[in-house]
Amino acid sequence: MTEIIDSIKKIAIEISDAIKSKDTGKVESTNASGDIQVKLDVISDEIAEKYLLDTSSVKEIISEEKEKPITKESGKYFVAYDPLDGSSLIDVDLSVGSIFGIYENGYDGEDIKAAVYVVYGPRVEMVVARDVVELFRLNEKTNEFEFIKELKLEKKGKILGPGGTQKYWYPYHKEMIDNFFKEGYRLRYSGGMVPDLHQILLKGGGLFAYPGTEDKPKGKLRKLFEVFPFAYVYKKAGGFGVDGYNDLLTLKAEHYHDTTPCFFGSEYEINKVLQTYKGQK
């Protein structure tokens, strides 16, 4: 496991350099989920693939940018990753990230053994979730990630990141979000999953919501590359990740690019979600 995390550190440094120096334009292609790719998506995917395939403990990798996995003859772990989440935000200079889920035996929620994400912002930060959740920051003078602190969520937060197109929200979901704002929650939503969830984690709590909607009842965010890794991070930090009804880490992946509604947050906010969605199926 340590070997994989060391490889992700190298990936993060190289992707960070690419963000600063490479072309941010679009390419004439889409990824496996149908999203239009920018050149940095392709570059970041190539960087991650290079290092992960050279890691002896990695048996298989699958990227959000590819249809199918790449399998090696040896190794133990399966790594599913989004090499550059939120890449459409780069050309307006907002923070973006990379997400890695480290699995064993398969890609269901119960198979995840560790998760790592990286935020490329004014500073490059990495969060590693194993038994605990640890924050590291890149020292650009030494090109090393330095441990900063352990991260834990409070029972209740103050910020809210509501995703999905509001036009297509279900009425009960809209009412829930409105009620959070009536309680005094502050809107904090950039459209980048990594920086938005990172902010909630570092601020001690809150709610990130990306629900099923009338046009996308199964949600938009992908289980393997985004949802399961963050569910693992939040669980280990003392929080919760649910689909409105169940713990996200109890879900199965029907295929590599399967999606699900998802809510991440502190105990108070997630209890509100579960109360709201109870009986809505």
Foldseek 3Di string as FASTA:
>chain_A
DVLLVVLVLVLLLVLLVCLVDPDLAWDPDAAPLRHTHTPSQVVSVVSSVVSQVVRQQEAWEAERRHADIDGDPGHFKYKYKRRWFPSVCSVVQAKIKIKIFIFGPDQALQGTQWIKMWINHPWIWIWIDHLFIWIWTQDVVVSDTHTDGTWAADQADAAEAEDDDPVFADPLVVVLVVVSVVVRHYYDYDPHLVVSLVVQRVRRKDKYWFAQGPVGNFTDDFLRHRQSNVQSNLVNNQWFKDLLADGRSVGGAPGRRGGHTMMITHNVSSVSSNVSSVPVD
